[in-house]
C-alpha atoms as a PDB file:
ATOM      1  CA  MET A   1      19.621  10.407  -1.263  1.00  0.00           C
ATOM      2  CA  GLU A   2      19.026   6.618  -0.547  1.00  0.00           C
ATOM      3  CA  LYS A   3      15.338   5.841  -0.009  1.00  0.00           C
ATOM      4  CA  ASN A   4      15.303   3.296   2.524  1.00  0.00           C
ATOM      5  CA  LEU A   5      12.551   1.884   4.714  1.00  0.00           C
ATOM      6  CA  LEU A   6      13.122   4.856   7.510  1.00  0.00           C
ATOM      7  CA  TYR A   7      12.694   7.358   4.809  1.00  0.00           C
ATOM      8  CA  PHE A   8       9.462   6.024   3.670  1.00  0.00           C
ATOM      9  CA  MET A   9       8.014   5.721   6.958  1.00  0.00           C
ATOM     10  CA  LEU A  10       8.966   9.418   7.867  1.00  0.00           C
ATOM     11  CA  GLY A  11       6.853  10.479   4.895  1.00  0.00           C
ATOM     12  CA  ASN A  12       4.109   8.298   5.738  1.00  0.00           C
ATOM     13  CA  VAL A  13       3.970   9.156   9.444  1.00  0.00           C
ATOM     14  CA  GLU A  14       4.346  12.938   8.605  1.00  0.00           C
ATOM     15  CA  MET A  15       1.188  12.796   6.273  1.00  0.00           C
ATOM     16  CA  GLY A  16      -0.749  10.671   8.334  1.00  0.00           C
ATOM     17  CA  LYS A  17      -0.301  13.200  11.370  1.00  0.00           C
ATOM     18  CA  PHE A  18      -1.117  16.174   9.030  1.00  0.00           C
ATOM     19  CA  SER A  19      -4.157  14.601   7.654  1.00  0.00           C
ATOM     20  CA  THR A  20      -5.272  13.571  11.042  1.00  0.00           C
ATOM     21  CA  GLN A  21      -4.710  16.879  12.289  1.00  0.00           C
ATOM     22  CA  SER A  22      -6.645  18.456   9.396  1.00  0.00           C
ATOM     23  CA  LEU A  23      -9.801  16.245  10.285  1.00  0.00           C
ATOM     24  CA  VAL A  24      -9.432  16.802  14.011  1.00  0.00           C
ATOM     25  CA  ASN A  25     -10.054  20.550  13.050  1.00  0.00           C
ATOM     26  CA  ILE A  26     -13.032  20.041  10.858  1.00  0.00           C
ATOM     27  CA  SER A  27     -14.683  17.301  13.292  1.00  0.00           C
ATOM     28  CA  ASN A  28     -17.687  18.110  15.096  1.00  0.00           C
ATOM     29  CA  ASN A  29     -18.220  14.517  16.706  1.00  0.00           C
ATOM     30  CA  MET A  30     -16.741  14.344  20.261  1.00  0.00           C
ATOM     31  CA  ASP A  31     -16.405  10.446  19.927  1.00  0.00           C
ATOM     32  CA  PHE A  32     -14.748  10.697  16.608  1.00  0.00           C
ATOM     33  CA  THR A  33     -12.330  13.723  17.493  1.00  0.00           C
ATOM     34  CA  LYS A  34     -11.230  11.241  20.425  1.00  0.00           C
ATOM     35  CA  GLU A  35     -10.615   8.400  17.882  1.00  0.00           C
ATOM     36  CA  LEU A  36      -8.495  11.056  15.819  1.00  0.00           C
ATOM     37  CA  LEU A  37      -6.560  12.365  18.755  1.00  0.00           C
ATOM     38  CA  GLN A  38      -5.555   8.505  19.440  1.00  0.00           C
ATOM     39  CA  ASP A  39      -4.074   8.297  16.139  1.00  0.00           C
ATOM     40  CA  LEU A  40      -2.249  11.734  16.551  1.00  0.00           C
ATOM     41  CA  SER A  41      -0.737  10.339  19.724  1.00  0.00           C
ATOM     42  CA  GLN A  42       0.338   7.096  17.707  1.00  0.00           C
ATOM     43  CA  TYR A  43       2.000   9.204  14.902  1.00  0.00           C
ATOM     44  CA  GLU A  44       3.951  11.412  17.478  1.00  0.00           C
ATOM     45  CA  HIS A  45       5.169   8.055  18.824  1.00  0.00           C
ATOM     46  CA  LEU A  46       6.234   6.482  15.493  1.00  0.00           C
ATOM     47  CA  TYR A  47       7.915  10.003  14.774  1.00  0.00           C
ATOM     48  CA  ASN A  48       9.919   9.843  17.957  1.00  0.00           C
ATOM     49  CA  GLU A  49      10.805   6.380  17.343  1.00  0.00           C
ATOM     50  CA  ILE A  50      12.021   7.047  13.782  1.00  0.00           C
ATOM     51  CA  LEU A  51      14.232   9.744  15.078  1.00  0.00           C
ATOM     52  CA  LYS A  52      15.573   7.576  17.608  1.00  0.00           C
ATOM     53  CA  ILE A  53      16.821   4.865  15.250  1.00  0.00           C
ATOM     54  CA  LYS A  54      18.175   7.300  12.754  1.00  0.00           C
ATOM     55  CA  GLU A  55      21.682   7.251  12.268  1.00  0.00           C
ATOM     56  CA  PRO A  56      23.301  10.811  12.900  1.00  0.00           C
ATOM     57  CA  GLN A  57      24.487  10.990   9.347  1.00  0.00           C
ATOM     58  CA  GLU A  58      21.349  10.075   7.694  1.00  0.00           C
ATOM     59  CA  LYS A  59      19.206  12.388   5.821  1.00  0.00           C
ATOM     60  CA  LEU A  60      15.584  11.857   5.984  1.00  0.00           C
ATOM     61  CA  LYS A  61      13.128  14.113   3.682  1.00  0.00           C
ATOM     62  CA  HIS A  62      10.258  15.325   5.291  1.00  0.00           C
ATOM     63  CA  ILE A  63       7.122  16.209   3.424  1.00  0.00           C
ATOM     64  CA  SER A  64       6.924  19.488   1.459  1.00  0.00           C
ATOM     65  CA  ILE A  65       4.802  22.445   1.736  1.00  0.00           C
ATOM     66  CA  LEU A  66       3.284  21.829  -1.503  1.00  0.00           C
ATOM     67  CA  ALA A  67       2.233  18.188  -0.302  1.00  0.00           C
ATOM     68  CA  LYS A  68       0.700  19.471   2.460  1.00  0.00           C
ATOM     69  CA  LEU A  69      -1.126  22.027   0.744  1.00  0.00           C
ATOM     70  CA  MET A  70      -2.133  19.580  -1.710  1.00  0.00           C
ATOM     71  CA  LEU A  71      -3.388  17.218   0.887  1.00  0.00           C
ATOM     72  CA  LYS A  72      -5.125  19.767   2.905  1.00  0.00           C
ATOM     73  CA  ALA A  73      -6.993  21.075  -0.435  1.00  0.00           C
ATOM     74  CA  ASP A  74      -8.109  17.398  -1.071  1.00  0.00           C
ATOM     75  CA  ILE A  75      -9.684  17.135   2.517  1.00  0.00           C
ATOM     76  CA  HIS A  76     -11.360  20.200   2.542  1.00  0.00           C
ATOM     77  CA  ARG A  77     -12.945  19.089  -0.934  1.00  0.00           C
ATOM     78  CA  SER A  78     -13.859  15.771   0.256  1.00  0.00           C
ATOM     79  CA  THR A  79     -15.708  17.282   3.351  1.00  0.00           C
ATOM     80  CA  PHE A  80     -16.705  20.270   2.022  1.00  0.00           C
ATOM     81  CA  LYS A  81     -20.548  19.134   2.060  1.00  0.00           C
ATOM     82  CA  ASP A  82     -20.129  16.282   4.426  1.00  0.00           C
ATOM     83  CA  LYS A  83     -18.054  16.388   7.536  1.00  0.00           C
ATOM     84  CA  SER A  84     -19.611  13.225   9.051  1.00  0.00           C
ATOM     85  CA  PRO A  85     -17.577  10.456  10.817  1.00  0.00           C
ATOM     86  CA  LYS A  86     -18.869   8.335   8.369  1.00  0.00           C
ATOM     87  CA  LYS A  87     -17.310  10.148   5.422  1.00  0.00           C
ATOM     88  CA  MET A  88     -14.104  10.987   7.320  1.00  0.00           C
ATOM     89  CA  SER A  89     -13.888   7.296   8.258  1.00  0.00           C
ATOM     90  CA  GLU A  90     -14.139   6.169   4.487  1.00  0.00           C
ATOM     91  CA  MET A  91     -11.263   8.661   3.773  1.00  0.00           C
ATOM     92  CA  LEU A  92      -9.089   7.161   6.491  1.00  0.00           C
ATOM     93  CA  ILE A  93      -9.827   3.603   5.795  1.00  0.00           C
ATOM     94  CA  LYS A  94      -8.819   4.192   2.133  1.00  0.00           C
ATOM     95  CA  GLY A  95      -5.684   5.961   3.304  1.00  0.00           C
ATOM     96  CA  PHE A  96      -4.886   3.135   5.672  1.00  0.00           C
ATOM     97  CA  LYS A  97      -5.536   0.387   2.670  1.00  0.00           C
ATOM     98  CA  ILE A  98      -2.884   2.478   0.752  1.00  0.00           C
ATOM     99  CA  GLY A  99      -0.655   2.788   3.626  1.00  0.00           C
ATOM    100  CA  ILE A 100      -0.634  -0.695   4.283  1.00  0.00           C
ATOM    101  CA  ASP A 101       0.018  -1.962   0.822  1.00  0.00           C
ATOM    102  CA  ASP A 102       2.878   0.609   0.473  1.00  0.00           C
ATOM    103  CA  ILE A 103       4.491  -0.504   3.859  1.00  0.00           C
ATOM    104  CA  ASP A 104       4.305  -4.140   3.046  1.00  0.00           C
ATOM    105  CA  GLU A 105       6.181  -3.254  -0.212  1.00  0.00           C
ATOM    106  CA  ASN A 106       8.842  -1.461   1.551  1.00  0.00           C
ATOM    107  CA  ILE A 107       9.295  -4.008   4.422  1.00  0.00           C
ATOM    108  CA  SER A 108       9.804  -6.680   1.624  1.00  0.00           C
ATOM    109  CA  LYS A 109      12.626  -4.361   0.066  1.00  0.00           C
ATOM    110  CA  ALA A 110      14.112  -3.551   3.558  1.00  0.00           C
ATOM    111  CA  ILE A 111      14.291  -7.213   4.456  1.00  0.00           C
ATOM    112  CA  LYS A 112      16.151  -8.049   1.048  1.00  0.00           C
ATOM    113  CA  LEU A 113      18.511  -5.233   1.569  1.00  0.00           C
ATOM    114  CA  ASN A 114      19.203  -6.251   5.324  1.00  0.00           C
ATOM    115  CA  GLU A 115      18.230  -3.055   6.740  1.00  0.00           C
ATOM    116  CA  LYS A 116      18.356  -2.760  10.781  1.00  0.00           C
ATOM    117  CA  PRO A 117      15.869  -5.246  12.462  1.00  0.00           C
ATOM    118  CA  GLU A 118      14.655  -2.609  14.415  1.00  0.00           C
ATOM    119  CA  ILE A 119      13.399  -0.443  11.798  1.00  0.00           C
ATOM    120  CA  ILE A 120      11.479  -3.611  10.061  1.00  0.00           C
ATOM    121  CA  ASP A 121      10.191  -4.079  13.666  1.00  0.00           C
ATOM    122  CA  LEU A 122       9.064  -0.500  13.775  1.00  0.00           C
ATOM    123  CA  ALA A 123       7.500  -0.841  10.499  1.00  0.00           C
ATOM    124  CA  LYS A 124       5.755  -4.074  11.211  1.00  0.00           C
ATOM    125  CA  GLU A 125       4.436  -2.184  14.655  1.00  0.00           C
ATOM    126  CA  TYR A 126       2.977   0.502  12.179  1.00  0.00           C
ATOM    127  CA  LYS A 127       1.430  -1.725   9.662  1.00  0.00           C
ATOM    128  CA  LYS A 128      -0.417  -3.592  12.668  1.00  0.00           C
ATOM    129  CA  TYR A 129      -1.674  -0.472  14.150  1.00  0.00           C
ATOM    130  CA  MET A 130      -3.035   0.678  10.495  1.00  0.00           C
ATOM    131  CA  VAL A 131      -4.671  -2.505  10.039  1.00  0.00           C
ATOM    132  CA  LYS A 132      -6.139  -2.260  13.703  1.00  0.00           C
ATOM    133  CA  ARG A 133      -7.168   1.186  13.073  1.00  0.00           C
ATOM    134  CA  MET A 134      -8.827   0.685   9.610  1.00  0.00           C
ATOM    135  CA  ASN A 135     -10.925  -1.934  11.266  1.00  0.00           C
ATOM    136  CA  ASP A 136     -12.016   0.509  14.329  1.00  0.00           C
ATOM    137  CA  TYR A 137     -13.246   3.103  11.928  1.00  0.00           C
ATOM    138  CA  LYS A 138     -15.550   0.787  10.030  1.00  0.00           C
ATOM    139  CA  LYS A 139     -17.901   1.009  12.977  1.00  0.00           C
ATOM    140  CA  TYR A 140     -18.595   4.444  11.630  1.00  0.00           C
ATOM    141  CA  LEU A 141     -19.443   3.243   8.243  1.00  0.00           C
END
């Protein structure tokens, strides 16, 4: 299976959605939970956009149950003693930084491979959102 920008984005969006939902489930701060729910809404939007752009014959690999379990265990371990918005923001900011670096690399590859402009535009929209949200979460530090 060819791993193109859409393939990458689907996995990234699913991981973001899953980890954010996990944080919603453990957050005990109403304002912070609202922030997380905003992210969930954006992930849902991006997921639906990916499915609209995808060609009918194109196969996209969803994240595995094992990857989800490992992520959930990591979140639980990281927040076991500290479920504060500060701790969760640190985790989110770290994730956004990794996501931004990864999406930059994948956008560059997609441009070189002449992938569809609407896929590249969606990836740029996603990157812009991650940069904004990373900065938004800094207020909790």
